[in-house]
Structure formats: structure tokens, C-alpha cells
Amino acid sequence: EDVKKCEVCVAVHVQVKLNQNQYDALISFIFNLGCGRFERSTLLHLINKWEWERASKQFPLWVKAGGRVNKGLVRRRNEEMEMFEKDTV
């Protein structure tokens, strides 16, 4: 059910074609942060402008929890960024 909400978020807000890796990275990102943050993000704005490289560099900016850098989030965002960059459309 939670993943379905993420899928709906991508379907509603992403206006360009994604490859499977980009899609999977965004589902992971949205699952962790929520659709509201994603829909207001520079990440989404850059994706919708087909600016893949600049968009991928947005993932590492989302690594704080409670105002502090979280090592788990650093690892997760790096994995999402790497996934997003694979086989870019």
C-alpha cells in the first residue's frame, strides 16, 4: 500500500519518461521522504527538465534527520543516486 502511494506520486508529478533504474530510485526516495517533499523538490524540477546529471546530484542533499547528518541516510541517498544514474534515458 505504501509503495502504491509512491507510484501514484511519480505518475502524477513526473512528466518525462524514466528508465526502470530512475523509477526505482525515485520510489525509494519518496517512500522515505514522502510525496509532499518530493513534489516541492529541486530534484523533481530538474527531472522534468530532463536534466539527469543535475537531478542525480540532488539525492545526497537529503541526508539529515533531526537537523543532523544521518549515516544511514547518506548510504541510502548514495545508493539511490547510483541507481538513478544507471542507464540514464
N, C-alpha and C. Protein backbone atom coordinates (compact mmCIF):
# COMPACT_ATOMS: atom_id res chain seq x y z
N GLU A 1 0.82 -1.19 0.00
CA GLU A 1 0.00 0.00 0.00
C GLU A 1 0.87 1.26 0.00
N ASP A 2 1.93 1.28 0.82
CA ASP A 2 2.82 2.44 0.86
C ASP A 2 3.54 2.64 -0.47
N VAL A 3 3.97 1.55 -1.08
CA VAL A 3 4.66 1.64 -2.36
C VAL A 3 3.70 2.15 -3.43
N LYS A 4 2.46 1.74 -3.37
CA LYS A 4 1.45 2.20 -4.33
C LYS A 4 1.32 3.72 -4.27
N LYS A 5 1.36 4.30 -3.08
CA LYS A 5 1.29 5.75 -2.93
C LYS A 5 2.48 6.42 -3.61
N CYS A 6 3.64 5.80 -3.50
CA CYS A 6 4.85 6.33 -4.15
C CYS A 6 4.71 6.26 -5.66
N GLU A 7 4.16 5.16 -6.14
CA GLU A 7 3.95 5.00 -7.58
C GLU A 7 2.99 6.06 -8.12
N VAL A 8 1.94 6.33 -7.37
CA VAL A 8 0.98 7.36 -7.77
C VAL A 8 1.67 8.72 -7.79
N CYS A 9 2.49 8.98 -6.81
CA CYS A 9 3.23 10.24 -6.74
C CYS A 9 4.08 10.44 -7.99
N VAL A 10 4.81 9.43 -8.39
CA VAL A 10 5.64 9.51 -9.59
C VAL A 10 4.75 9.73 -10.81
N ALA A 11 3.69 8.98 -10.91
CA ALA A 11 2.79 9.09 -12.06
C ALA A 11 2.20 10.49 -12.19
N VAL A 12 1.88 11.10 -11.08
CA VAL A 12 1.25 12.42 -11.09
C VAL A 12 2.25 13.54 -11.36
N HIS A 13 3.43 13.44 -10.79
CA HIS A 13 4.36 14.58 -10.81
C HIS A 13 5.49 14.50 -11.83
N VAL A 14 5.90 13.32 -12.22
CA VAL A 14 6.98 13.20 -13.19
C VAL A 14 6.39 13.25 -14.59
N GLN A 15 6.84 14.19 -15.38
CA GLN A 15 6.26 14.44 -16.69
C GLN A 15 7.12 13.93 -17.84
N VAL A 16 8.19 13.23 -17.53
CA VAL A 16 9.10 12.72 -18.55
C VAL A 16 9.24 11.22 -18.41
N LYS A 17 9.76 10.59 -19.46
CA LYS A 17 9.96 9.15 -19.42
C LYS A 17 11.17 8.80 -18.55
N LEU A 18 10.98 7.83 -17.69
CA LEU A 18 12.06 7.34 -16.82
C LEU A 18 12.45 5.93 -17.23
N ASN A 19 13.70 5.57 -17.02
CA ASN A 19 14.05 4.16 -17.17
C ASN A 19 13.75 3.47 -15.84
N GLN A 20 13.86 2.16 -15.81
CA GLN A 20 13.49 1.41 -14.61
C GLN A 20 14.34 1.79 -13.41
N ASN A 21 15.63 2.03 -13.62
CA ASN A 21 16.51 2.41 -12.50
C ASN A 21 16.13 3.76 -11.92
N GLN A 22 15.82 4.71 -12.78
CA GLN A 22 15.40 6.03 -12.30
C GLN A 22 14.10 5.92 -11.51
N TYR A 23 13.18 5.15 -12.05
CA TYR A 23 11.89 4.94 -11.39
C TYR A 23 12.09 4.31 -10.01
N ASP A 24 12.89 3.27 -9.95
CA ASP A 24 13.13 2.57 -8.68
C ASP A 24 13.78 3.49 -7.66
N ALA A 25 14.74 4.30 -8.10
CA ALA A 25 15.42 5.23 -7.20
C ALA A 25 14.42 6.24 -6.63
N LEU A 26 13.53 6.73 -7.48
CA LEU A 26 12.54 7.69 -7.01
C LEU A 26 11.53 7.06 -6.06
N ILE A 27 11.13 5.83 -6.32
CA ILE A 27 10.21 5.15 -5.40
C ILE A 27 10.85 5.02 -4.02
N SER A 28 12.12 4.64 -3.97
CA SER A 28 12.83 4.53 -2.70
C SER A 28 12.91 5.88 -2.00
N PHE A 29 13.24 6.92 -2.76
CA PHE A 29 13.35 8.28 -2.22
C PHE A 29 12.02 8.74 -1.64
N ILE A 30 10.95 8.59 -2.42
CA ILE A 30 9.62 9.04 -1.99
C ILE A 30 9.11 8.21 -0.81
N PHE A 31 9.39 6.92 -0.82
CA PHE A 31 8.98 6.05 0.28
C PHE A 31 9.57 6.56 1.60
N ASN A 32 10.80 7.06 1.54
CA ASN A 32 11.49 7.54 2.73
C ASN A 32 11.09 8.96 3.12
N LEU A 33 10.89 9.83 2.15
CA LEU A 33 10.64 11.24 2.44
C LEU A 33 9.20 11.69 2.31
N GLY A 34 8.43 11.00 1.50
CA GLY A 34 7.04 11.39 1.28
C GLY A 34 6.86 12.17 -0.01
N CYS A 35 5.66 12.11 -0.54
CA CYS A 35 5.35 12.75 -1.81
C CYS A 35 5.39 14.27 -1.69
N GLY A 36 4.97 14.79 -0.58
CA GLY A 36 4.94 16.25 -0.40
C GLY A 36 6.31 16.88 -0.57
N ARG A 37 7.29 16.31 0.05
CA ARG A 37 8.65 16.84 -0.10
C ARG A 37 9.14 16.67 -1.53
N PHE A 38 8.84 15.52 -2.13
CA PHE A 38 9.27 15.27 -3.50
C PHE A 38 8.65 16.27 -4.46
N GLU A 39 7.35 16.51 -4.33
CA GLU A 39 6.68 17.39 -5.30
C GLU A 39 7.15 18.83 -5.22
N ARG A 40 7.77 19.22 -4.11
CA ARG A 40 8.29 20.58 -3.96
C ARG A 40 9.81 20.64 -4.17
N SER A 41 10.40 19.53 -4.56
CA SER A 41 11.87 19.43 -4.61
C SER A 41 12.49 19.93 -5.91
N THR A 42 13.72 20.38 -5.79
CA THR A 42 14.53 20.70 -6.96
C THR A 42 14.77 19.44 -7.77
N LEU A 43 14.87 18.31 -7.11
CA LEU A 43 15.05 17.02 -7.79
C LEU A 43 13.96 16.83 -8.84
N LEU A 44 12.70 16.99 -8.47
CA LEU A 44 11.60 16.82 -9.41
C LEU A 44 11.68 17.87 -10.52
N HIS A 45 11.95 19.09 -10.16
CA HIS A 45 12.05 20.16 -11.15
C HIS A 45 13.09 19.82 -12.22
N LEU A 46 14.25 19.35 -11.79
CA LEU A 46 15.33 19.00 -12.73
C LEU A 46 14.98 17.78 -13.57
N ILE A 47 14.32 16.81 -12.96
CA ILE A 47 13.90 15.62 -13.71
C ILE A 47 12.95 16.04 -14.84
N ASN A 48 12.00 16.88 -14.52
CA ASN A 48 11.02 17.30 -15.52
C ASN A 48 11.62 18.19 -16.61
N LYS A 49 12.85 18.65 -16.39
CA LYS A 49 13.57 19.41 -17.41
C LYS A 49 14.58 18.52 -18.14
N TRP A 50 14.54 17.21 -17.89
CA TRP A 50 15.45 16.24 -18.49
C TRP A 50 16.91 16.51 -18.10
N GLU A 51 17.14 17.10 -16.97
CA GLU A 51 18.49 17.41 -16.51
C GLU A 51 18.95 16.31 -15.56
N TRP A 52 19.23 15.15 -16.15
CA TRP A 52 19.51 13.94 -15.38
C TRP A 52 20.71 14.08 -14.46
N GLU A 53 21.81 14.61 -14.97
CA GLU A 53 23.02 14.70 -14.16
C GLU A 53 22.82 15.63 -12.97
N ARG A 54 22.25 16.79 -13.22
CA ARG A 54 21.99 17.73 -12.12
C ARG A 54 20.98 17.15 -11.14
N ALA A 55 19.99 16.44 -11.66
CA ALA A 55 18.98 15.83 -10.79
C ALA A 55 19.62 14.80 -9.86
N SER A 56 20.49 13.96 -10.40
CA SER A 56 21.09 12.91 -9.58
C SER A 56 21.91 13.49 -8.43
N LYS A 57 22.45 14.67 -8.63
CA LYS A 57 23.25 15.31 -7.58
C LYS A 57 22.39 15.85 -6.43
N GLN A 58 21.10 15.80 -6.58
CA GLN A 58 20.18 16.25 -5.52
C GLN A 58 20.01 15.22 -4.41
N PHE A 59 20.16 13.93 -4.74
CA PHE A 59 19.95 12.89 -3.73
C PHE A 59 20.79 13.08 -2.47
N PRO A 60 22.10 13.35 -2.59
CA PRO A 60 22.92 13.48 -1.38
C PRO A 60 22.58 14.69 -0.49
N LEU A 61 21.73 15.56 -0.96
CA LEU A 61 21.36 16.73 -0.16
C LEU A 61 20.32 16.38 0.91
N TRP A 62 19.72 15.21 0.80
CA TRP A 62 18.63 14.81 1.70
C TRP A 62 19.12 13.77 2.71
N VAL A 63 20.06 14.16 3.56
CA VAL A 63 20.69 13.20 4.47
C VAL A 63 20.55 13.57 5.94
N LYS A 64 19.74 14.54 6.25
CA LYS A 64 19.60 14.97 7.65
C LYS A 64 18.32 14.42 8.28
N ALA A 65 18.45 14.08 9.52
CA ALA A 65 17.31 13.66 10.35
C ALA A 65 17.46 14.39 11.68
N GLY A 66 16.46 15.13 12.07
CA GLY A 66 16.56 15.90 13.31
C GLY A 66 17.65 16.96 13.24
N GLY A 67 17.91 17.48 12.05
CA GLY A 67 18.91 18.52 11.88
C GLY A 67 20.34 18.04 11.80
N ARG A 68 20.54 16.74 11.88
CA ARG A 68 21.89 16.17 11.83
C ARG A 68 22.04 15.20 10.68
N VAL A 69 23.26 15.16 10.14
CA VAL A 69 23.55 14.19 9.08
C VAL A 69 23.44 12.78 9.66
N ASN A 70 22.69 11.94 8.99
CA ASN A 70 22.47 10.56 9.42
C ASN A 70 23.24 9.63 8.48
N LYS A 71 24.12 8.82 9.03
CA LYS A 71 24.95 7.92 8.22
C LYS A 71 24.11 6.97 7.37
N GLY A 72 23.01 6.49 7.92
CA GLY A 72 22.13 5.60 7.17
C GLY A 72 21.52 6.29 5.96
N LEU A 73 21.15 7.57 6.15
CA LEU A 73 20.59 8.33 5.03
C LEU A 73 21.65 8.65 3.99
N VAL A 74 22.88 8.89 4.43
CA VAL A 74 23.98 9.12 3.48
C VAL A 74 24.13 7.89 2.59
N ARG A 75 24.15 6.73 3.20
CA ARG A 75 24.28 5.48 2.45
C ARG A 75 23.08 5.28 1.51
N ARG A 76 21.89 5.50 2.02
CA ARG A 76 20.68 5.30 1.21
C ARG A 76 20.66 6.25 0.01
N ARG A 77 20.96 7.53 0.25
CA ARG A 77 20.94 8.51 -0.85
C ARG A 77 22.01 8.21 -1.89
N ASN A 78 23.18 7.76 -1.46
CA ASN A 78 24.22 7.39 -2.42
C ASN A 78 23.77 6.21 -3.27
N GLU A 79 23.11 5.25 -2.65
CA GLU A 79 22.60 4.10 -3.41
C GLU A 79 21.52 4.54 -4.39
N GLU A 80 20.63 5.44 -3.95
CA GLU A 80 19.58 5.94 -4.84
C GLU A 80 20.20 6.72 -6.00
N MET A 81 21.20 7.53 -5.71
CA MET A 81 21.86 8.32 -6.74
C MET A 81 22.53 7.40 -7.77
N GLU A 82 23.24 6.40 -7.29
CA GLU A 82 23.90 5.46 -8.20
C GLU A 82 22.87 4.72 -9.06
N MET A 83 21.76 4.31 -8.46
CA MET A 83 20.72 3.62 -9.20
C MET A 83 20.12 4.55 -10.25
N PHE A 84 19.84 5.78 -9.86
CA PHE A 84 19.25 6.76 -10.77
C PHE A 84 20.15 7.00 -11.98
N GLU A 85 21.46 6.99 -11.77
CA GLU A 85 22.41 7.30 -12.84
C GLU A 85 22.63 6.13 -13.81
N LYS A 86 22.23 4.92 -13.44
CA LYS A 86 22.42 3.77 -14.33
C LYS A 86 21.52 3.88 -15.55
N ASP A 87 22.11 3.70 -16.71
CA ASP A 87 21.36 3.65 -17.97
C ASP A 87 20.40 4.82 -18.14
N THR A 88 20.87 6.03 -17.84
CA THR A 88 20.02 7.21 -17.97
C THR A 88 19.47 7.33 -19.38
N VAL A 89 18.17 7.63 -19.46
CA VAL A 89 17.45 7.76 -20.74
C VAL A 89 18.14 8.80 -21.60
